Each structure stands twice: as structure tokens, then as C-alpha cells.
Amino acid sequence: MNDRFFELKREKQDRMINGALKVFATQGYRHASTDDIVKEAGISKGLLFHYFGSKQGTYAFVYDYSARFMMLELRDMVDPRERELFGLMKQIERAKLNALKGYPYMQMFLDRANQETSNEALVAIAAKRPLLLEAYELIYEQVNPIRLPEGVELGKLRKMMELTIKGLMSERFRDGSFQPESLCQEIEEYLDMMKGLVYR
């Protein structure tokens, strides 16, 4: 992590992080520009380069920061004793949405980073990317598949719900109605509905 950056006032740190997250999340690495990031953050380009050196350095920093932040939220909010899939997914989504209260584009950025094809971006996050993915896999290993009805595949059910959740979040950003608390409630309603269908 960048120790000099953390000497800045927290408000300026968050403006810079949120500016970079929004630009990378909405434009992708290739189309994102440092001009857009500094405009979004309300800072000079010299300040951005002083702390991060380049676009790639900025991307590497915000990925590292986001992965660490999200892993802390997951550690704090996911019960290691939870064995039921839908209960676990609710806890995961609450952890994610808790992070979005301060960093609205963090999850969108992480999702986009997982689909990134730019070699420069992939090199920037190569060391950190597996850590967050492994954290999620370890959480999902808690699920007791015996509790699922016969014929219901855990992997496909999980993927279906994750795609639904991503779609809901994207829709809320597109229509300008994103609010972490209301989105969390909506996601939980979908999870409860699916649980009712699976276990009926």
C-alpha cells in the first residue's frame, strides 16, 4: 500500500479513491483516462501522479484497496458457522453493501476487474486478484450441499443468484436510484423468493 497517500486527510483520500473507482468501473481500464479520474476526484493531475505514478499505478492501488476493504467486511459480517446457502448469500451481500456506503462503485469496479482483458490492467492486479476470489471460495465452502434438494446444483444456483444480484445493482446505477440499504432489501427479497422456490 502507499504510505504517503494515507498521510492525506481522509476526505481527500476518499475523493481520490471514489473518483478512480467510478471511472474504472464505468469505462473499463482501456477507456479510462487520468483526466477523467482527476476531474471526478476534484484534484490536479500532478497530485494523482505524485501518489500513484501512472494510470496503471492508480488501478493497482484502488484494486488492492478495494480487495482489502471487501475482505475485511466479509470477515466481520459473515458468520463462519452459517451452512445454508441463502443465509450465507445474505450475509455476503450485506458485507458488500456495507462497503458501498462509503465507496458506491467498489463492487462494480471489482466485478469489472474480474472481466478485464487489458494486459496492463491484469499485470497491475496479478498478485492481489486471487486473494479476494479465494476469500469468496472459502466462504462458499461453508455451505452444506446435503441441505439442497435433489437435482439442484450448488454451483449453478449460486451463479444464477450472483448474476441476478449484479443485474439489480447495474440497473440501480443506470436509473440513478442506487441506495445501499434499499438495494440490500431488494436483493434479500429475491434471495427469499428463490429459497422458497428451491425448498417448496
Protein backbone atom coordinates (compact mmCIF):
# COMPACT_ATOMS: atom_id res chain seq x y z
CA MET A 1 0.00 0.00 0.00
CA ASN A 2 1.02 3.63 -0.48
CA ASP A 3 2.00 5.03 2.93
CA ARG A 4 2.34 8.61 1.65
CA PHE A 5 -1.22 8.54 0.34
CA PHE A 6 -2.56 7.67 3.78
CA GLU A 7 -0.99 10.79 5.22
CA LEU A 8 -3.61 12.82 3.34
CA LYS A 9 -6.83 13.86 5.05
CA ARG A 10 -9.39 11.07 4.89
CA GLU A 11 -11.83 13.18 2.88
CA LYS A 12 -9.25 13.70 0.13
CA GLN A 13 -8.25 10.04 0.19
CA ASP A 14 -11.86 9.01 -0.31
CA ARG A 15 -12.41 11.54 -3.11
CA MET A 16 -9.42 10.16 -4.99
CA ILE A 17 -10.38 6.54 -4.40
CA ASN A 18 -14.02 7.11 -5.33
CA GLY A 19 -13.07 9.09 -8.43
CA ALA A 20 -10.82 6.28 -9.67
CA LEU A 21 -13.34 3.57 -8.77
CA LYS A 22 -16.14 5.29 -10.68
CA VAL A 23 -14.08 5.92 -13.82
CA PHE A 24 -12.55 2.42 -13.95
CA ALA A 25 -15.90 0.78 -13.09
CA THR A 26 -17.93 2.61 -15.72
CA GLN A 27 -15.34 2.90 -18.52
CA GLY A 28 -13.06 -0.10 -18.05
CA TYR A 29 -9.29 0.16 -17.95
CA ARG A 30 -8.68 0.81 -21.65
CA HIS A 31 -11.11 3.71 -21.93
CA ALA A 32 -10.48 5.24 -18.51
CA SER A 33 -8.24 8.31 -18.53
CA THR A 34 -6.36 10.09 -15.78
CA ASP A 35 -8.07 13.29 -16.97
CA ASP A 36 -11.45 11.76 -16.14
CA ILE A 37 -10.21 10.49 -12.77
CA VAL A 38 -8.82 13.85 -11.63
CA LYS A 39 -11.96 15.62 -12.83
CA GLU A 40 -14.16 13.18 -10.91
CA ALA A 41 -11.97 13.44 -7.80
CA GLY A 42 -11.61 17.23 -7.97
CA ILE A 43 -7.80 17.15 -7.80
CA SER A 44 -4.88 18.07 -10.04
CA LYS A 45 -3.25 15.56 -12.34
CA GLY A 46 0.05 16.33 -10.63
CA LEU A 47 -1.36 15.14 -7.31
CA LEU A 48 -2.61 11.88 -8.83
CA PHE A 49 0.78 11.17 -10.41
CA HIS A 50 2.58 12.19 -7.22
CA TYR A 51 0.87 9.39 -5.29
CA PHE A 52 0.31 6.73 -7.94
CA GLY A 53 2.77 7.44 -10.74
CA SER A 54 0.53 6.43 -13.66
CA LYS A 55 -2.87 5.15 -14.69
CA GLN A 56 -1.66 1.60 -14.08
CA GLY A 57 -0.37 2.58 -10.63
CA THR A 58 -3.74 4.13 -9.79
CA TYR A 59 -5.54 0.99 -10.94
CA ALA A 60 -3.25 -1.25 -8.92
CA PHE A 61 -3.76 0.86 -5.81
CA VAL A 62 -7.55 1.03 -5.97
CA TYR A 63 -7.77 -2.70 -6.67
CA ASP A 64 -5.55 -3.51 -3.70
CA TYR A 65 -7.51 -1.10 -1.50
CA SER A 66 -10.86 -2.48 -2.65
CA ALA A 67 -9.86 -6.13 -2.21
CA ARG A 68 -8.52 -5.49 1.30
CA PHE A 69 -11.57 -3.42 2.25
CA MET A 70 -14.01 -6.04 0.97
CA MET A 71 -12.18 -8.90 2.68
CA LEU A 72 -12.38 -7.04 5.99
CA GLU A 73 -16.12 -6.51 5.52
CA LEU A 74 -16.60 -10.19 4.71
CA ARG A 75 -14.58 -11.25 7.74
CA ASP A 76 -16.62 -9.00 10.02
CA MET A 77 -20.09 -9.77 8.65
CA VAL A 78 -20.07 -13.41 7.51
CA ASP A 79 -20.72 -15.97 10.23
CA PRO A 80 -18.30 -18.92 9.83
CA ARG A 81 -20.99 -21.18 11.33
CA GLU A 82 -23.57 -20.44 8.62
CA ARG A 83 -24.16 -23.53 6.46
CA GLU A 84 -27.28 -22.58 4.49
CA LEU A 85 -26.67 -21.07 1.03
CA PHE A 86 -29.25 -18.31 1.07
CA GLY A 87 -28.41 -17.23 4.62
CA LEU A 88 -24.75 -17.08 3.60
CA MET A 89 -25.51 -15.09 0.46
CA LYS A 90 -27.49 -12.57 2.52
CA GLN A 91 -24.51 -12.07 4.80
CA ILE A 92 -22.15 -11.68 1.82
CA GLU A 93 -24.43 -9.09 0.21
CA ARG A 94 -24.76 -7.17 3.47
CA ALA A 95 -20.96 -7.06 3.69
CA LYS A 96 -20.65 -5.82 0.11
CA LEU A 97 -23.35 -3.20 0.52
CA ASN A 98 -21.84 -2.01 3.78
CA ALA A 99 -18.66 -1.26 1.80
CA LEU A 100 -20.72 0.60 -0.81
CA LYS A 101 -21.97 3.10 1.77
CA GLY A 102 -18.56 4.78 1.59
CA TYR A 103 -17.44 3.57 -1.84
CA PRO A 104 -20.50 3.27 -4.11
CA TYR A 105 -18.62 1.96 -7.16
CA MET A 106 -16.37 -0.52 -5.35
CA GLN A 107 -18.30 -3.68 -6.18
CA MET A 108 -18.89 -2.63 -9.78
CA PHE A 109 -15.17 -1.96 -10.07
CA LEU A 110 -14.27 -5.38 -8.62
CA ASP A 111 -16.76 -7.11 -10.93
CA ARG A 112 -15.36 -5.29 -13.95
CA ALA A 113 -11.78 -6.10 -12.89
CA ASN A 114 -12.71 -9.80 -12.93
CA GLN A 115 -13.68 -9.43 -16.60
CA GLU A 116 -10.78 -7.18 -17.57
CA THR A 117 -8.85 -8.13 -20.70
CA SER A 118 -6.28 -5.34 -20.81
CA ASN A 119 -2.85 -6.88 -20.24
CA GLU A 120 -1.68 -3.72 -18.48
CA ALA A 121 -4.57 -3.93 -16.02
CA LEU A 122 -4.12 -7.67 -15.47
CA VAL A 123 -0.44 -7.19 -14.70
CA ALA A 124 -1.35 -4.45 -12.19
CA ILE A 125 -3.63 -6.75 -10.17
CA ALA A 126 -2.00 -10.14 -10.78
CA ALA A 127 -0.72 -10.54 -7.23
CA LYS A 128 -3.90 -9.40 -5.46
CA ARG A 129 -6.68 -10.72 -7.68
CA PRO A 130 -6.54 -14.35 -6.48
CA LEU A 131 -6.77 -13.33 -2.81
CA LEU A 132 -10.31 -11.95 -3.00
CA LEU A 133 -11.51 -14.78 -5.25
CA GLU A 134 -10.08 -17.30 -2.78
CA ALA A 135 -11.79 -15.48 0.11
CA TYR A 136 -15.17 -15.95 -1.57
CA GLU A 137 -14.48 -19.61 -2.35
CA LEU A 138 -13.54 -20.26 1.27
CA ILE A 139 -16.81 -18.70 2.41
CA TYR A 140 -18.84 -20.81 0.00
CA GLU A 141 -17.10 -23.96 1.22
CA GLN A 142 -19.17 -23.46 4.39
CA VAL A 143 -22.34 -24.44 2.51
CA ASN A 144 -23.70 -27.87 3.30
CA PRO A 145 -24.80 -29.19 -0.13
CA ILE A 146 -26.75 -32.03 1.51
CA ARG A 147 -29.35 -29.45 2.52
CA LEU A 148 -30.17 -28.72 -1.12
CA PRO A 149 -32.99 -30.68 -2.79
CA GLU A 150 -32.05 -33.46 -5.18
CA GLY A 151 -31.33 -32.15 -8.67
CA VAL A 152 -30.35 -28.65 -7.52
CA GLU A 153 -26.70 -27.96 -8.32
CA LEU A 154 -25.00 -25.62 -5.86
CA GLY A 155 -22.68 -24.05 -8.44
CA LYS A 156 -25.46 -23.26 -10.93
CA LEU A 157 -27.79 -21.94 -8.21
CA ARG A 158 -25.06 -19.71 -6.84
CA LYS A 159 -24.17 -18.41 -10.32
CA MET A 160 -27.81 -17.68 -11.12
CA MET A 161 -28.24 -15.65 -7.94
CA GLU A 162 -24.92 -13.81 -8.38
CA LEU A 163 -25.91 -12.78 -11.93
CA THR A 164 -29.30 -11.61 -10.64
CA ILE A 165 -27.61 -9.53 -7.94
CA LYS A 166 -25.17 -7.97 -10.42
CA GLY A 167 -28.06 -7.16 -12.72
CA LEU A 168 -30.03 -5.47 -9.93
CA MET A 169 -27.02 -3.37 -8.97
CA SER A 170 -26.34 -2.34 -12.58
CA GLU A 171 -29.98 -1.41 -13.05
CA ARG A 172 -29.97 0.79 -9.93
CA PHE A 173 -26.88 2.66 -11.14
CA ARG A 174 -28.34 3.08 -14.64
CA ASP A 175 -31.62 4.53 -13.44
CA GLY A 176 -29.97 6.67 -10.74
CA SER A 177 -31.81 5.01 -7.86
CA PHE A 178 -28.85 3.32 -6.15
CA GLN A 179 -29.12 3.33 -2.36
CA PRO A 180 -27.22 0.61 -0.45
CA GLU A 181 -29.97 -0.05 2.09
CA SER A 182 -32.83 -0.30 -0.42
CA LEU A 183 -30.73 -2.43 -2.78
CA CYS A 184 -29.87 -4.77 0.08
CA GLN A 185 -33.56 -5.14 0.90
CA GLU A 186 -34.39 -5.85 -2.75
CA ILE A 187 -31.61 -8.45 -3.02
CA GLU A 188 -32.84 -10.17 0.14
CA GLU A 189 -36.36 -10.32 -1.31
CA TYR A 190 -35.00 -12.08 -4.41
CA LEU A 191 -32.98 -14.48 -2.25
CA ASP A 192 -36.05 -15.27 -0.11
CA MET A 193 -38.16 -15.84 -3.24
CA MET A 194 -35.57 -18.20 -4.72
CA LYS A 195 -35.21 -20.03 -1.41
CA GLY A 196 -38.99 -20.56 -1.38
CA LEU A 197 -38.86 -21.99 -4.91
CA VAL A 198 -35.90 -24.27 -4.16
CA TYR A 199 -37.30 -25.69 -0.94
CA ARG A 200 -41.01 -25.86 -1.79
